[in-house]
Amino acid sequence: MPTLEWIGKEKVINHHQDVPFRLLEKKYTYNAESSENMIIHGDNLLALKSLLPQYEGRVDCIYIDPPYNTGSEKWVYNDNVNDPRIKKWLGEVVGTEGEDLSRHDKWLCMMYPRLKLLYKLLSEQGVIFISIDDNELANLRLIGDEIFGKNLVCMLVWKTKEEPKGIPPKSMCVVNQEYILVYSKSSSYKFLGDLRKIEDGFKNPDNDHRGPWKRQYLQRFGQGFPIRTIKNPQNGMKFSFETPYTEEKMKKWIEEKRIIFPMTNDMYPAKKEFFNEYNNPYKPIVTNLDLYSTKVNSERLKSIFGGIKVFNYSKPINLIADLLKKSINKNAIILDSFAGSGTTAHAVLDLNKKDGGNRRFILVEMMDYAETITAERVKRVIDGYGEGSKAVDGLGGDFSYYELGAPLFDENKNLNEEVPTDEIRKYIYYMETKQPPEVNTEDNEYFLGKHNDTAYYFYYEKERSTTLNTDFLSTIKTKASGYLIYADVCALSKATMEKYNITFKKIPRDIQKL
């Protein structure tokens, strides 16, 4: 597999490991007391790192619309990666080499560690959609292949506008398409079929993994089969008809709820069968997508904000909604780390309203308009917008708004004393077990939880040094085959450690880094 080299690559390929872990500070929750939907204001590199303890390997679908690197400086999201914060980061991470970076080098340095973190967040059966145009398509494909391996599902091409008519064009080549690279975490990923359009089939309300049912008629006319009689256990109605199946077999199917009974006796019962050419739940997706008008979406966004144009180049809602419908189930977690105007959240809320789904969204936006445009748009589509004949009903829903908080470790790699102890405990236990801490009032206050028959303790005090000794052991109430205990100092003998199968970890040296 070919790989791509650029100035600064060696400084960024593992940079995601050095990104400091920061807390996420909830500022408010909109339209609910609590919400699993999130809008995060902050550098997405830091925000993605902060999401790892809760969401590593749990995100079902990622859609990102990163800067296309067109060289344009005409709008707020500087498209050739010249935002002062990105330039500062490049100087710190890449060093003096950064002075020689081309705009393509900058773009690659910016994207690579972010894609690495997105890969970690994606579930094993997850899928990521990355929008791009011709400027960085080739480079994106190469680094995508490097990070996701051979799991390129396909490259979608979508039509952005109609062909120009009437007035002679300024250029004899009119670009009216963009691309979406689709990668999966697993080579076994498959797109979902549209289960609402099954010919002669049924819906799948119980989400059976085999898909919807298909009717197979039991009656066989004029073929000399015996006449059999079965009874509907719900109402006692009897049916006699010619069929090759024995009454014993059909009774068994009735017990298994695989017989469909009609409401009247002028029709015949039928057997429910799985799978055929119509109801396979997995369907291929056509890579040439139809027109998804950016102009129509821009007008909709303008109407949401009362006729004021607030954002350029926002992606069409129906484009993202169609991608979500074909790729994930109704309870999926969707992440967009280049949130822009909040189209992904809008699409998620719209789908949930239409099909009763419980999809959840996580948006990350670095720019200052995260509150005034991104979150504000989501508020308005939740509540409804417009007046009179142009009024649009609200979609319902909720979200919590976050800012990036303090780092967990200070510049000297010690625990940051500004961070609440409860947050440190969550981090420690997640790094050890990938689980949230337990609540156990019967054990001592330093108990984190028990996982795989190992009990975990974080013996930490901000005001003093802690010592793991026999006095501390006497306070432990949880029985386990092994114990992992964090403290500042260990005073136990080797024999005691072996007797109780204790593993000591020193604070902060032995705390793992994300």
Protein backbone atom coordinates (compact mmCIF):
# COMPACT_ATOMS: atom_id res chain seq x y z
CA MET A 1 0.00 0.00 0.00
CA PRO A 2 1.53 3.38 -0.99
CA THR A 3 2.16 5.89 1.79
CA LEU A 4 2.36 9.65 1.67
CA GLU A 5 5.29 11.70 2.94
CA TRP A 6 5.17 15.41 3.74
CA ILE A 7 7.11 17.93 5.81
CA GLY A 8 6.21 17.45 9.48
CA LYS A 9 4.77 13.94 9.17
CA GLU A 10 7.18 12.36 11.64
CA LYS A 11 6.09 14.96 14.23
CA VAL A 12 2.34 14.29 13.93
CA ILE A 13 1.87 10.56 13.27
CA ASN A 14 1.90 9.83 17.02
CA HIS A 15 0.99 13.30 18.25
CA HIS A 16 -2.50 12.15 19.32
CA GLN A 17 -0.78 10.34 22.21
CA ASP A 18 0.80 13.60 23.44
CA VAL A 19 -2.37 15.70 23.29
CA PRO A 20 -3.17 16.71 26.90
CA PHE A 21 -6.34 15.26 28.38
CA ARG A 22 -8.78 17.99 29.37
CA LEU A 23 -12.07 17.83 31.19
CA LEU A 24 -15.31 18.79 29.51
CA GLU A 25 -17.18 21.45 31.49
CA LYS A 26 -20.94 21.43 31.04
CA LYS A 27 -22.28 24.97 30.78
CA TYR A 28 -25.98 24.23 30.38
CA THR A 29 -28.53 21.71 29.14
CA TYR A 30 -31.21 22.84 26.71
CA ASN A 31 -34.82 21.60 26.80
CA ALA A 32 -34.18 18.90 29.42
CA GLU A 33 -32.69 18.32 32.87
CA SER A 34 -29.95 16.16 31.34
CA SER A 35 -29.05 15.09 27.82
CA GLU A 36 -26.73 12.63 26.09
CA ASN A 37 -26.54 14.91 23.05
CA MET A 38 -23.46 17.13 23.19
CA ILE A 39 -22.23 20.34 21.58
CA ILE A 40 -18.62 21.06 22.52
CA HIS A 41 -16.88 24.37 21.91
CA GLY A 42 -13.14 23.95 21.55
CA ASP A 43 -10.27 22.71 19.42
CA ASN A 44 -11.45 19.37 18.08
CA LEU A 45 -8.07 17.75 18.69
CA LEU A 46 -8.43 18.44 22.42
CA ALA A 47 -12.14 17.67 22.45
CA LEU A 48 -11.71 14.30 20.73
CA LYS A 49 -9.09 13.35 23.31
CA SER A 50 -11.47 14.38 26.10
CA LEU A 51 -14.20 12.14 24.67
CA LEU A 52 -12.06 8.98 24.83
CA PRO A 53 -12.82 7.89 28.42
CA GLN A 54 -16.54 7.80 27.75
CA TYR A 55 -16.75 7.08 24.03
CA GLU A 56 -13.67 5.15 22.87
CA GLY A 57 -14.94 2.36 20.61
CA ARG A 58 -18.58 3.43 21.07
CA VAL A 59 -19.29 5.87 18.22
CA ASP A 60 -21.34 4.19 15.49
CA CYS A 61 -21.04 6.82 12.78
CA ILE A 62 -18.77 9.80 12.17
CA TYR A 63 -19.45 12.49 9.59
CA ILE A 64 -16.87 15.24 9.13
CA ASP A 65 -16.68 18.13 6.71
CA PRO A 66 -13.10 19.37 7.23
CA PRO A 67 -11.63 22.44 5.47
CA TYR A 68 -11.22 21.67 1.76
CA ASN A 69 -7.98 23.66 1.64
CA THR A 70 -9.08 25.70 -1.37
CA GLY A 71 -6.86 28.66 -0.50
CA SER A 72 -9.89 30.82 0.26
CA GLU A 73 -9.57 33.38 3.05
CA LYS A 74 -13.02 34.88 2.53
CA TRP A 75 -14.96 33.26 5.34
CA VAL A 76 -14.69 32.66 9.04
CA TYR A 77 -13.40 29.08 8.85
CA ASN A 78 -10.14 29.96 7.06
CA ASP A 79 -10.03 27.22 4.47
CA ASN A 80 -6.29 27.03 3.93
CA VAL A 81 -5.59 26.27 7.60
CA ASN A 82 -4.29 29.70 8.49
CA ASP A 83 -6.33 30.15 11.66
CA PRO A 84 -3.98 31.61 14.31
CA ARG A 85 -4.69 28.71 16.68
CA ILE A 86 -3.76 26.12 14.06
CA LYS A 87 -0.63 28.09 13.11
CA LYS A 88 0.39 28.26 16.77
CA TRP A 89 -0.17 24.52 17.16
CA LEU A 90 1.87 23.76 14.03
CA GLY A 91 4.75 25.85 15.39
CA GLU A 92 4.70 24.01 18.72
CA VAL A 93 4.35 20.50 17.31
CA VAL A 94 6.28 20.64 14.04
CA GLY A 95 8.87 23.19 15.18
CA THR A 96 11.11 25.15 12.83
CA GLU A 97 10.20 22.83 9.97
CA GLY A 98 6.77 24.44 10.09
CA GLU A 99 8.19 27.56 8.47
CA ASP A 100 8.64 25.60 5.22
CA LEU A 101 5.21 23.98 5.17
CA SER A 102 3.10 24.34 2.06
CA ARG A 103 -0.65 24.68 2.56
CA HIS A 104 -0.97 20.97 1.73
CA ASP A 105 1.63 20.11 4.41
CA LYS A 106 -0.32 22.19 6.93
CA TRP A 107 -3.57 20.48 6.01
CA LEU A 108 -2.06 17.02 6.39
CA CYS A 109 -0.44 17.91 9.73
CA MET A 110 -3.79 19.21 10.95
CA MET A 111 -5.84 16.22 9.74
CA TYR A 112 -3.63 13.25 10.64
CA PRO A 113 -3.82 13.27 14.47
CA ARG A 114 -7.52 14.09 14.34
CA LEU A 115 -8.21 11.08 12.14
CA LYS A 116 -6.18 8.92 14.53
CA LEU A 117 -8.41 9.96 17.44
CA LEU A 118 -11.56 9.51 15.35
CA TYR A 119 -10.38 5.98 14.57
CA LYS A 120 -10.07 5.25 18.30
CA LEU A 121 -13.58 6.57 18.97
CA LEU A 122 -15.19 4.55 16.19
CA SER A 123 -16.89 1.28 17.18
CA GLU A 124 -15.81 -2.03 15.66
CA GLN A 125 -18.81 -1.98 13.31
CA GLY A 126 -18.68 1.80 12.85
CA VAL A 127 -18.35 3.88 9.70
CA ILE A 128 -16.89 7.31 8.94
CA PHE A 129 -17.90 9.66 6.13
CA ILE A 130 -15.40 12.37 5.15
CA SER A 131 -16.48 15.14 2.77
CA ILE A 132 -13.81 16.57 0.47
CA ASP A 133 -13.27 18.09 -2.97
CA ASP A 134 -10.49 17.83 -5.57
CA ASN A 135 -7.98 19.95 -3.62
CA GLU A 136 -7.10 17.26 -1.05
CA LEU A 137 -8.93 14.17 -2.33
CA ALA A 138 -5.76 12.30 -3.31
CA ASN A 139 -3.97 13.16 -0.05
CA LEU A 140 -6.99 12.25 2.06
CA ARG A 141 -7.24 8.88 0.34
CA LEU A 142 -3.60 8.07 1.14
CA ILE A 143 -3.70 9.03 4.82
CA GLY A 144 -7.14 7.41 5.16
CA ASP A 145 -5.73 4.16 3.82
CA GLU A 146 -2.79 4.47 6.20
CA ILE A 147 -5.00 4.92 9.27
CA PHE A 148 -7.98 2.69 8.39
CA GLY A 149 -6.01 0.03 6.50
CA LYS A 150 -7.84 -1.74 3.70
CA ASN A 151 -11.25 -0.73 5.01
CA LEU A 152 -12.18 1.84 2.37
CA VAL A 153 -15.85 0.98 1.80
CA CYS A 154 -16.31 3.24 -1.21
CA MET A 155 -15.99 6.79 -2.52
CA LEU A 156 -19.31 8.57 -3.02
CA VAL A 157 -19.71 11.34 -5.57
CA TRP A 158 -22.58 13.75 -5.07
CA LYS A 159 -23.93 16.43 -7.35
CA THR A 160 -23.82 19.87 -5.73
CA LYS A 161 -25.67 21.94 -8.35
CA GLU A 162 -27.35 21.80 -11.71
CA GLU A 163 -25.50 22.57 -14.95
CA PRO A 164 -25.43 26.29 -15.82
CA LYS A 165 -28.04 27.38 -18.34
CA GLY A 166 -28.41 30.39 -20.61
CA ILE A 167 -25.44 32.65 -19.84
CA PRO A 168 -22.12 31.34 -21.27
CA PRO A 169 -19.95 30.03 -18.42
CA LYS A 170 -16.73 31.77 -17.41
CA SER A 171 -14.95 28.44 -17.57
CA MET A 172 -15.45 25.56 -19.96
CA CYS A 173 -15.13 23.18 -17.00
CA VAL A 174 -17.85 23.58 -14.40
CA VAL A 175 -17.27 21.56 -11.23
CA ASN A 176 -20.57 20.39 -9.80
CA GLN A 177 -19.53 17.45 -7.65
CA GLU A 178 -17.87 16.74 -4.32
CA TYR A 179 -16.73 13.48 -2.77
CA ILE A 180 -17.30 11.51 0.40
CA LEU A 181 -14.71 8.92 1.38
CA VAL A 182 -16.31 6.12 3.39
CA TYR A 183 -14.12 4.05 5.75
CA SER A 184 -15.10 1.41 8.28
CA LYS A 185 -13.38 0.06 11.37
CA SER A 186 -14.11 -3.52 10.30
CA SER A 187 -13.77 -5.17 6.90
CA SER A 188 -17.18 -6.81 7.46
CA TYR A 189 -19.10 -3.51 7.45
CA LYS A 190 -22.26 -3.43 5.27
CA PHE A 191 -24.71 -0.68 4.41
CA LEU A 192 -28.28 -1.17 5.61
CA GLY A 193 -31.18 -1.64 3.23
CA ASP A 194 -34.30 0.52 3.43
CA LEU A 195 -36.49 -1.87 5.42
CA ARG A 196 -39.60 0.24 4.85
CA LYS A 197 -39.72 -0.62 1.16
CA ILE A 198 -39.87 -4.41 1.16
CA GLU A 199 -41.98 -5.88 -1.66
CA ASP A 200 -44.73 -8.09 -0.21
CA GLY A 201 -42.93 -8.10 3.13
CA PHE A 202 -43.35 -6.89 6.67
CA LYS A 203 -41.64 -4.45 8.96
CA ASN A 204 -39.14 -5.61 11.55
CA PRO A 205 -40.42 -4.08 14.82
CA ASP A 206 -38.42 -6.45 17.03
CA ASN A 207 -35.18 -5.68 15.16
CA ASP A 208 -34.56 -9.36 14.49
CA HIS A 209 -31.06 -9.68 13.04
CA ARG A 210 -32.45 -11.81 10.21
CA GLY A 211 -34.49 -8.89 8.93
CA PRO A 212 -38.19 -8.51 8.09
CA TRP A 213 -40.52 -11.42 7.39
CA LYS A 214 -41.59 -12.65 3.97
CA ARG A 215 -44.97 -14.34 3.39
CA GLN A 216 -44.94 -17.92 2.10
CA TYR A 217 -48.38 -19.23 1.22
CA LEU A 218 -49.35 -22.61 2.66
CA GLN A 219 -52.26 -23.24 0.25
CA ARG A 220 -51.42 -25.23 -2.93
CA PHE A 221 -54.25 -25.36 -5.45
CA GLY A 222 -54.82 -28.26 -7.84
CA GLN A 223 -51.68 -30.21 -6.99
CA GLY A 224 -53.34 -33.14 -5.22
CA PHE A 225 -52.13 -32.26 -1.71
CA PRO A 226 -54.19 -33.43 1.30
CA ILE A 227 -56.63 -31.12 3.03
CA ARG A 228 -55.34 -30.09 6.45
CA THR A 229 -57.08 -28.20 9.25
CA ILE A 230 -55.50 -25.78 11.72
CA LYS A 231 -57.00 -23.46 14.34
CA ASN A 232 -56.15 -19.87 15.22
CA PRO A 233 -55.29 -20.03 18.96
CA GLN A 234 -56.32 -16.39 19.40
CA ASN A 235 -59.97 -16.72 18.40
CA GLY A 236 -60.58 -20.41 17.66
CA MET A 237 -61.25 -19.84 13.95
CA LYS A 238 -60.54 -22.98 11.89
CA PHE A 239 -59.03 -23.12 8.41
CA SER A 240 -59.04 -26.10 6.02
CA PHE A 241 -56.98 -25.99 2.84
CA GLU A 242 -54.82 -28.02 0.50
CA THR A 243 -51.20 -28.04 1.63
CA PRO A 244 -48.08 -30.25 1.45
CA TYR A 245 -47.37 -29.62 5.15
CA THR A 246 -48.56 -31.91 7.96
CA GLU A 247 -50.83 -30.63 10.69
CA GLU A 248 -48.14 -31.45 13.27
CA LYS A 249 -45.60 -29.28 11.46
CA MET A 250 -48.05 -26.40 11.14
CA LYS A 251 -48.96 -26.67 14.83
CA LYS A 252 -45.26 -26.34 15.61
CA TRP A 253 -45.07 -23.23 13.45
CA ILE A 254 -48.08 -21.82 15.29
CA GLU A 255 -46.28 -22.32 18.62
CA GLU A 256 -43.24 -20.55 17.17
CA LYS A 257 -45.52 -17.69 15.98
CA ARG A 258 -44.50 -18.31 12.38
CA ILE A 259 -48.07 -18.60 11.04
CA ILE A 260 -49.94 -15.47 9.96
CA PHE A 261 -53.70 -15.82 10.44
CA PRO A 262 -56.17 -13.68 8.44
CA MET A 263 -59.04 -11.90 10.15
CA THR A 264 -61.68 -13.75 8.08
CA ASN A 265 -62.01 -17.32 6.80
CA ASP A 266 -62.26 -16.28 3.16
CA MET A 267 -58.44 -16.03 3.09
CA TYR A 268 -55.77 -18.55 4.01
CA PRO A 269 -53.08 -18.59 6.69
CA ALA A 270 -49.50 -18.06 5.55
CA LYS A 271 -46.09 -18.95 6.89
CA LYS A 272 -43.60 -16.23 7.79
CA GLU A 273 -40.19 -16.76 6.23
CA PHE A 274 -36.90 -14.86 6.49
CA PHE A 275 -34.65 -13.60 3.77
CA ASN A 276 -35.05 -13.49 0.04
CA GLU A 277 -33.94 -11.14 -2.69
CA TYR A 278 -36.29 -8.44 -1.39
CA ASN A 279 -35.74 -8.39 2.35
CA ASN A 280 -32.03 -8.90 2.90
CA PRO A 281 -31.31 -6.14 5.48
CA TYR A 282 -28.00 -5.27 3.82
CA LYS A 283 -28.10 -3.34 0.56
CA PRO A 284 -25.28 -1.97 -1.59
CA ILE A 285 -25.17 1.78 -1.97
CA VAL A 286 -24.89 3.45 -5.36
CA THR A 287 -21.75 5.59 -5.37
CA ASN A 288 -23.09 8.23 -7.77
CA LEU A 289 -25.50 10.16 -5.58
CA ASP A 290 -28.21 12.45 -6.90
CA LEU A 291 -28.36 16.23 -6.58
CA TYR A 292 -28.20 17.55 -3.02
CA SER A 293 -28.54 21.26 -3.43
CA THR A 294 -26.26 23.41 -1.31
CA LYS A 295 -28.30 26.41 -2.43
CA VAL A 296 -31.53 24.97 -1.03
CA ASN A 297 -29.82 24.20 2.25
CA SER A 298 -28.34 27.70 2.45
CA GLU A 299 -31.83 29.14 2.04
CA ARG A 300 -33.17 26.88 4.78
CA LEU A 301 -30.38 27.93 7.13
CA LYS A 302 -31.14 31.54 6.33
CA SER A 303 -34.81 31.04 7.20
CA ILE A 304 -33.88 29.40 10.50
CA PHE A 305 -32.08 32.61 11.47
CA GLY A 306 -34.91 34.89 10.45
CA GLY A 307 -33.67 35.80 6.98
CA ILE A 308 -30.09 36.55 8.07
CA LYS A 309 -27.27 34.81 6.23
CA VAL A 310 -25.01 33.40 8.94
CA PHE A 311 -22.95 30.70 7.26
CA ASN A 312 -21.55 29.75 3.86
CA TYR A 313 -21.25 26.27 2.39
CA SER A 314 -23.33 24.39 4.94
CA LYS A 315 -23.92 20.77 3.89
CA PRO A 316 -27.44 19.71 2.81
CA ILE A 317 -29.50 18.18 5.63
CA ASN A 318 -30.93 15.48 3.38
CA LEU A 319 -27.44 14.41 2.29
CA ILE A 320 -26.38 13.68 5.86
CA ALA A 321 -29.77 12.19 6.76
CA ASP A 322 -29.60 9.77 3.82
CA LEU A 323 -26.08 8.69 4.80
CA LEU A 324 -27.22 8.06 8.38
CA LYS A 325 -30.27 6.06 7.29
CA LYS A 326 -28.17 3.76 5.13
CA SER A 327 -25.38 3.19 7.64
CA ILE A 328 -26.60 2.92 11.24
CA ASN A 329 -29.48 1.79 13.43
CA LYS A 330 -31.98 4.04 15.20
CA ASN A 331 -30.07 4.05 18.50
CA ALA A 332 -26.67 5.01 17.12
CA ILE A 333 -24.20 7.61 18.39
CA ILE A 334 -23.16 10.07 15.67
CA LEU A 335 -20.10 12.33 15.93
CA ASP A 336 -19.25 15.42 13.87
CA SER A 337 -15.98 17.05 14.90
CA PHE A 338 -16.11 19.84 12.28
CA ALA A 339 -19.65 20.82 13.19
CA GLY A 340 -19.92 24.17 11.40
CA SER A 341 -23.52 25.36 11.45
CA GLY A 342 -24.80 22.18 13.09
CA THR A 343 -26.29 20.40 10.06
CA THR A 344 -25.50 16.94 11.46
CA ALA A 345 -27.49 17.59 14.65
CA HIS A 346 -30.36 18.95 12.53
CA ALA A 347 -30.33 15.77 10.42
CA VAL A 348 -30.28 13.53 13.50
CA LEU A 349 -33.22 15.33 15.13
CA ASP A 350 -35.14 15.24 11.85
CA LEU A 351 -34.63 11.47 11.46
CA ASN A 352 -35.62 10.80 15.07
CA LYS A 353 -38.81 12.80 14.58
CA LYS A 354 -39.71 10.88 11.43
CA ASP A 355 -39.04 7.31 12.55
CA GLY A 356 -39.13 7.48 16.35
CA GLY A 357 -35.40 6.78 16.63
CA ASN A 358 -33.15 7.53 19.57
CA ARG A 359 -30.00 8.55 17.70
CA ARG A 360 -27.62 10.74 19.70
CA PHE A 361 -25.24 13.40 18.40
CA ILE A 362 -21.91 14.81 19.52
CA LEU A 363 -20.79 18.02 17.78
CA VAL A 364 -17.43 19.75 18.16
CA GLU A 365 -16.77 23.24 16.85
CA MET A 366 -13.59 25.25 17.39
CA MET A 367 -14.75 28.66 16.19
CA ASP A 368 -16.42 31.29 18.36
CA TYR A 369 -19.75 30.80 16.58
CA ALA A 370 -20.18 27.42 18.33
CA GLU A 371 -22.68 29.13 20.66
CA THR A 372 -24.20 31.80 18.42
CA ILE A 373 -24.67 29.69 15.28
CA THR A 374 -24.09 25.97 15.91
CA ALA A 375 -25.95 25.68 19.23
CA GLU A 376 -28.42 28.40 18.32
CA ARG A 377 -29.47 26.58 15.17
CA VAL A 378 -30.08 23.38 17.12
CA LYS A 379 -32.18 25.31 19.65
CA ARG A 380 -34.34 26.76 16.89
CA VAL A 381 -34.97 23.47 15.10
CA ILE A 382 -35.84 21.89 18.47
CA ASP A 383 -38.41 24.61 19.20
CA GLY A 384 -39.56 25.50 15.67
CA TYR A 385 -38.95 28.67 13.71
CA GLY A 386 -40.56 31.06 11.26
CA GLU A 387 -43.92 32.80 11.41
CA GLY A 388 -47.31 32.53 9.74
CA SER A 389 -47.40 30.44 6.58
CA LYS A 390 -43.63 29.99 6.79
CA ALA A 391 -43.66 28.56 10.31
CA VAL A 392 -41.82 25.25 10.73
CA ASP A 393 -42.73 22.95 13.61
CA GLY A 394 -40.08 22.05 16.12
CA LEU A 395 -38.42 18.64 15.96
CA GLY A 396 -38.08 18.26 19.71
CA GLY A 397 -34.95 16.97 21.37
CA ASP A 398 -32.30 18.37 23.69
CA PHE A 399 -28.55 18.82 24.16
CA SER A 400 -25.90 19.86 26.65
CA TYR A 401 -23.35 22.55 25.81
CA TYR A 402 -19.72 22.12 26.90
CA GLU A 403 -16.46 24.05 26.97
CA LEU A 404 -12.97 22.55 27.29
CA GLY A 405 -11.83 22.64 30.88
CA ALA A 406 -8.57 22.27 32.77
CA PRO A 407 -5.95 19.65 31.79
CA LEU A 408 -5.69 16.59 34.04
CA PHE A 409 -1.89 16.92 34.28
CA ASP A 410 0.08 20.14 34.71
CA GLU A 411 3.22 21.15 32.80
CA ASN A 412 5.38 19.08 35.20
CA LYS A 413 3.26 15.97 34.51
CA ASN A 414 1.80 16.06 38.02
CA LEU A 415 -1.91 15.81 38.68
CA ASN A 416 -3.53 19.21 38.29
CA GLU A 417 -4.89 20.15 41.73
CA GLU A 418 -7.57 22.28 40.10
CA VAL A 419 -9.21 19.14 38.75
CA PRO A 420 -11.92 17.67 41.03
CA THR A 421 -10.91 14.35 42.56
CA ASP A 422 -14.05 12.66 41.20
CA GLU A 423 -12.93 13.47 37.66
CA ILE A 424 -9.48 12.01 38.32
CA ARG A 425 -11.10 8.86 39.70
CA LYS A 426 -13.21 8.47 36.54
CA TYR A 427 -10.13 8.83 34.38
CA ILE A 428 -8.05 6.34 36.40
CA TYR A 429 -10.70 3.64 36.44
CA TYR A 430 -11.48 4.07 32.77
CA MET A 431 -7.82 3.76 31.82
CA GLU A 432 -7.61 0.52 33.81
CA THR A 433 -10.93 -1.11 32.90
CA LYS A 434 -12.72 0.95 30.20
CA GLN A 435 -15.61 1.11 32.69
CA PRO A 436 -17.19 3.95 34.74
CA PRO A 437 -16.42 3.92 38.51
CA GLU A 438 -18.79 2.05 40.83
CA VAL A 439 -20.59 3.39 43.88
CA ASN A 440 -19.99 1.21 46.95
CA THR A 441 -20.70 2.77 50.33
CA GLU A 442 -19.68 -0.43 52.16
CA ASP A 443 -16.02 -0.12 51.11
CA ASN A 444 -13.63 2.73 51.85
CA GLU A 445 -13.82 6.08 50.06
CA TYR A 446 -10.90 5.25 47.75
CA PHE A 447 -12.59 2.26 46.14
CA LEU A 448 -13.09 2.68 42.37
CA GLY A 449 -14.74 -0.60 41.42
CA LYS A 450 -14.30 -4.28 40.79
CA HIS A 451 -13.65 -5.61 37.30
CA ASN A 452 -12.67 -9.14 36.21
CA ASP A 453 -12.30 -10.05 39.89
CA THR A 454 -9.74 -7.29 40.50
CA ALA A 455 -10.60 -4.51 42.96
CA TYR A 456 -9.25 -1.02 42.17
CA TYR A 457 -8.37 1.74 44.67
CA PHE A 458 -7.14 5.29 44.18
CA TYR A 459 -5.63 6.36 47.50
CA TYR A 460 -5.16 10.04 46.78
CA GLU A 461 -5.31 13.22 48.86
CA LYS A 462 -4.56 16.69 47.53
CA GLU A 463 -3.25 17.97 50.86
CA ARG A 464 -0.92 15.12 51.81
CA SER A 465 1.12 12.19 50.57
CA THR A 466 -0.54 8.79 50.92
CA THR A 467 1.12 5.51 51.93
CA LEU A 468 -0.08 2.03 51.06
CA ASN A 469 0.42 0.08 54.29
CA THR A 470 -1.28 -2.52 56.48
CA ASP A 471 -3.51 0.18 58.05
CA PHE A 472 -4.92 0.96 54.60
CA LEU A 473 -5.37 -2.74 53.81
CA SER A 474 -7.49 -3.11 56.97
CA THR A 475 -10.03 -0.63 55.55
CA ILE A 476 -10.63 -2.67 52.38
CA LYS A 477 -13.97 -4.51 52.40
CA THR A 478 -14.24 -5.86 48.86
CA LYS A 479 -13.18 -9.46 48.34
CA ALA A 480 -11.34 -10.12 45.07
CA SER A 481 -8.67 -12.38 43.63
CA GLY A 482 -6.41 -9.38 43.06
CA TYR A 483 -6.01 -5.72 44.06
CA LEU A 484 -4.61 -2.76 42.13
CA ILE A 485 -3.92 0.20 44.39
CA TYR A 486 -2.68 3.69 43.54
CA ALA A 487 -0.86 5.67 46.24
CA ASP A 488 2.12 8.01 46.61
CA VAL A 489 4.26 5.50 48.54
CA CYS A 490 4.13 1.75 49.19
CA ALA A 491 5.32 0.42 52.59
CA LEU A 492 4.11 -3.17 52.20
CA SER A 493 6.55 -6.05 52.16
CA LYS A 494 7.00 -8.20 49.10
CA ALA A 495 5.50 -11.14 50.98
CA THR A 496 2.33 -9.19 51.80
CA MET A 497 2.01 -8.02 48.19
CA GLU A 498 2.25 -11.60 46.97
CA LYS A 499 -0.07 -12.99 49.65
CA TYR A 500 -2.95 -10.70 48.68
CA ASN A 501 -1.97 -10.41 45.00
CA ILE A 502 -1.55 -6.63 45.21
CA THR A 503 -0.28 -4.47 42.37
CA PHE A 504 0.99 -1.04 43.48
CA LYS A 505 1.02 1.97 41.15
CA LYS A 506 2.68 5.22 42.09
CA ILE A 507 0.86 8.55 41.71
CA PRO A 508 1.30 10.18 39.23
CA ARG A 509 4.11 8.26 37.52
CA ASP A 510 2.14 5.09 36.77
CA ILE A 511 -1.07 6.74 35.63
CA GLN A 512 -1.59 5.79 32.02
CA LYS A 513 -1.95 8.51 29.41
CA LEU A 514 -4.64 8.40 26.75
